Protein backbone atom coordinates (compact mmCIF):
# COMPACT_ATOMS: atom_id res chain seq x y z
CA MET A 1 -21.52 -6.60 90.58
CA PRO A 2 -23.46 -4.29 88.32
CA THR A 3 -25.40 -2.10 90.98
CA ASN A 4 -28.25 0.50 89.51
CA GLU A 5 -31.84 1.05 90.92
CA HIS A 6 -33.18 1.89 87.39
CA LEU A 7 -31.71 -1.44 85.74
CA ALA A 8 -32.98 -3.41 88.82
CA VAL A 9 -36.72 -2.06 88.26
CA GLU A 10 -36.42 -2.65 84.66
CA LEU A 11 -35.76 -6.55 85.25
CA ILE A 12 -38.25 -6.87 88.02
CA GLY A 13 -40.66 -5.36 85.65
CA ARG A 14 -40.22 -8.52 83.63
CA ALA A 15 -41.36 -10.68 86.48
CA ASP A 16 -44.49 -11.32 87.89
CA HIS A 17 -43.82 -11.91 91.43
CA GLY A 18 -41.11 -11.34 93.52
CA ARG A 19 -40.25 -11.17 97.40
CA VAL A 20 -40.69 -8.25 99.85
CA ALA A 21 -38.35 -8.27 102.92
CA THR A 22 -38.85 -6.20 106.11
CA SER A 23 -39.10 -7.40 109.89
CA MET A 24 -41.89 -7.37 111.98
CA ARG A 25 -41.67 -7.41 115.97
CA ALA A 26 -37.93 -7.79 115.45
CA LEU A 27 -38.01 -10.90 113.18
CA PRO A 28 -37.10 -10.74 109.50
CA PHE A 29 -39.91 -12.17 107.01
CA LEU A 30 -39.84 -12.56 103.39
CA VAL A 31 -43.42 -12.76 101.61
CA CYS A 32 -44.26 -13.99 97.88
CA VAL A 33 -46.22 -10.99 96.36
CA ARG A 34 -47.54 -10.13 92.69
CA HIS A 35 -45.97 -6.81 91.32
CA ILE A 36 -46.31 -4.08 88.55
CA VAL A 37 -43.87 -1.54 87.43
CA LEU A 38 -45.36 2.01 86.56
CA ALA A 39 -43.24 5.17 86.32
CA GLY A 40 -40.09 3.67 88.01
CA ARG A 41 -41.99 2.61 91.01
CA VAL A 42 -42.98 -0.89 92.15
CA LEU A 43 -46.74 -1.58 93.01
CA LEU A 44 -47.33 -4.82 95.02
CA ARG A 45 -50.76 -6.74 95.88
CA LEU A 46 -50.74 -8.89 98.71
CA HIS A 47 -53.11 -10.57 100.81
CA ARG A 48 -54.21 -8.38 103.99
CA GLY A 49 -55.22 -11.43 105.98
CA TRP A 50 -51.39 -12.05 106.41
CA GLY A 51 -50.76 -8.59 107.95
CA TYR A 52 -47.63 -8.12 106.39
CA HIS A 53 -48.87 -4.91 105.19
CA ARG A 54 -48.77 -3.28 108.35
CA ALA A 55 -44.92 -4.14 108.97
CA CYS A 56 -44.18 -2.93 105.28
CA VAL A 57 -46.04 0.57 105.56
CA GLY A 58 -43.67 3.46 106.41
CA SER A 59 -41.06 1.24 106.31
CA VAL A 60 -37.80 0.85 104.47
CA VAL A 61 -38.15 -2.30 102.46
CA ALA A 62 -36.10 -4.79 100.18
CA TYR A 63 -37.78 -6.24 96.88
CA GLY A 64 -36.19 -8.62 94.90
CA SER A 65 -37.35 -10.87 91.85
CA ASP A 66 -35.45 -13.00 89.37
CA ASN A 67 -35.84 -15.06 86.30
CA LEU A 68 -34.23 -18.30 87.96
CA GLY A 69 -35.58 -21.27 86.80
CA ARG A 70 -36.77 -19.54 83.71
CA PRO A 71 -33.48 -18.43 81.99
CA GLY A 72 -33.66 -15.99 79.27
CA PRO A 73 -31.96 -15.96 76.03
CA GLY A 74 -28.77 -17.51 75.66
CA GLY A 75 -29.44 -19.20 79.26
CA ASN A 76 -28.54 -15.79 80.76
CA LEU A 77 -30.15 -15.72 84.76
CA TRP A 78 -30.22 -12.36 86.72
CA SER A 79 -31.48 -11.27 90.19
CA ALA A 80 -32.45 -8.00 91.14
CA GLN A 81 -33.50 -6.08 94.13
CA ILE A 82 -34.37 -2.60 95.22
CA VAL A 83 -34.61 -0.79 98.51
CA GLY A 84 -36.86 1.78 99.18
CA ARG A 85 -39.76 3.38 101.45
CA CYS A 86 -42.96 1.68 101.12
CA GLU A 87 -46.29 3.13 101.21
CA ALA A 88 -50.19 1.77 101.07
CA ILE A 89 -51.90 2.83 97.97
CA GLU A 90 -55.69 2.78 96.69
CA PRO A 91 -54.76 1.60 92.93
CA THR A 92 -57.12 2.99 90.10
CA ALA A 93 -59.20 0.25 88.26
CA ALA A 94 -56.70 0.42 85.53
CA GLN A 95 -53.54 0.00 87.76
CA ILE A 96 -55.83 -3.03 89.51
CA ALA A 97 -56.58 -4.82 85.69
CA LEU A 98 -52.55 -4.61 85.08
CA PHE A 99 -51.90 -7.18 87.97
CA GLY A 100 -53.95 -9.62 86.41
CA PRO A 101 -56.63 -12.03 88.08
CA ALA A 102 -56.12 -12.23 91.51
CA PRO A 103 -56.11 -15.48 93.50
CA GLY A 104 -59.30 -16.85 94.69
CA ARG A 105 -58.02 -18.03 97.92
CA VAL A 106 -54.62 -17.95 100.36
CA ASP A 107 -53.71 -20.14 102.80
CA GLY A 108 -57.70 -21.49 102.61
CA GLU A 109 -59.37 -18.18 103.06
CA PRO A 110 -60.60 -15.50 100.06
CA PHE A 111 -58.04 -13.40 98.88
CA ASP A 112 -58.56 -9.72 100.18
CA PRO A 113 -56.10 -7.60 98.52
CA VAL A 114 -53.93 -4.48 99.54
CA TYR A 115 -51.85 -2.65 97.53
CA LEU A 116 -48.10 -0.90 98.25
CA ARG A 117 -45.68 0.99 96.64
CA ILE A 118 -41.95 0.96 96.68
CA GLU A 119 -40.36 4.08 96.00
CA PRO A 120 -36.62 2.60 94.71
CA GLN A 121 -33.70 4.44 96.31
CA LEU A 122 -30.91 1.55 95.96
CA GLY A 123 -30.87 -1.33 93.71
CA THR A 124 -28.69 -4.34 93.14
CA VAL A 125 -28.49 -6.69 89.93
CA HIS A 126 -26.75 -10.13 89.55
CA PHE A 127 -26.02 -11.70 86.52
CA MET A 128 -25.63 -15.51 86.27
CA ASP A 129 -24.14 -16.87 83.37
CA ASP A 130 -21.09 -18.89 81.83
CA HIS A 131 -19.06 -15.87 81.88
CA THR A 132 -17.14 -13.97 84.47
CA MET A 133 -17.05 -10.20 84.67
CA ASP A 134 -13.27 -10.59 83.96
CA ASP A 135 -14.27 -12.08 80.69
CA ARG A 136 -15.68 -8.72 79.58
CA SER A 137 -16.34 -5.24 80.80
CA MET A 138 -19.50 -4.25 82.71
CA ASN A 139 -20.21 -2.01 79.49
CA ASP A 140 -20.60 -5.11 77.70
CA HIS A 141 -23.04 -6.97 80.00
CA SER A 142 -26.49 -6.80 78.73
CA VAL A 143 -30.10 -8.27 79.33
CA GLU A 144 -32.15 -9.08 76.58
CA GLY A 145 -31.30 -5.61 74.76
CA LEU A 146 -30.68 -3.68 77.99
CA SER A 147 -27.00 -2.40 78.19
CA MET A 148 -25.13 -1.45 81.13
CA ASP A 149 -23.98 1.78 79.29
CA ASP A 150 -27.41 2.98 79.84
CA ARG A 151 -27.15 3.68 83.74
CA PRO A 152 -28.86 6.92 84.55
CA VAL A 153 -28.15 8.70 87.87
CA PRO A 154 -29.71 7.17 90.68
CA VAL A 155 -32.91 8.65 92.21
CA ALA A 156 -31.01 9.11 95.67
CA GLY A 157 -28.77 11.51 93.72
CA THR A 158 -25.58 9.73 94.46
CA PRO A 159 -24.06 6.97 91.62
CA LEU A 160 -24.07 3.51 93.12
CA ARG A 161 -20.77 1.88 92.40
CA SER A 162 -19.89 -1.99 91.68
CA ARG A 163 -18.08 -3.72 94.64
CA PRO A 164 -14.84 -5.47 93.33
């Protein structure tokens, strides 16, 4: 299982939406949100009316995205997750524009955006295709031109390892 927050962030940046996971009142939850990737950080836009942002801000959250249901060239599927501290932000007009059009309504009420930023500390990537990791080395596994050879040192400063 390849693991690397830089590769995870790269892959997350190739999707428009993902899921943020944390807990609220001791219960876990997932919520689908729009995201963009800027300077190695993941910026989220979600609906303030849900109140989920209050549980995320100041907490360590998990965030994931994938291309399941829309495979890449050669039918390769991937799933990427990051874990990091989440903070509220006030994006610039240019950053807001990168998110694209906002939904008009969410759950029947007008969409009221709130913006968050995740600073990745850990990352995990899963590849799903017709090959097993026994069929090739991890260094041979690439996703749309991104080679596993291009693995920089993790943000946290300690290398992440693959599980057997």
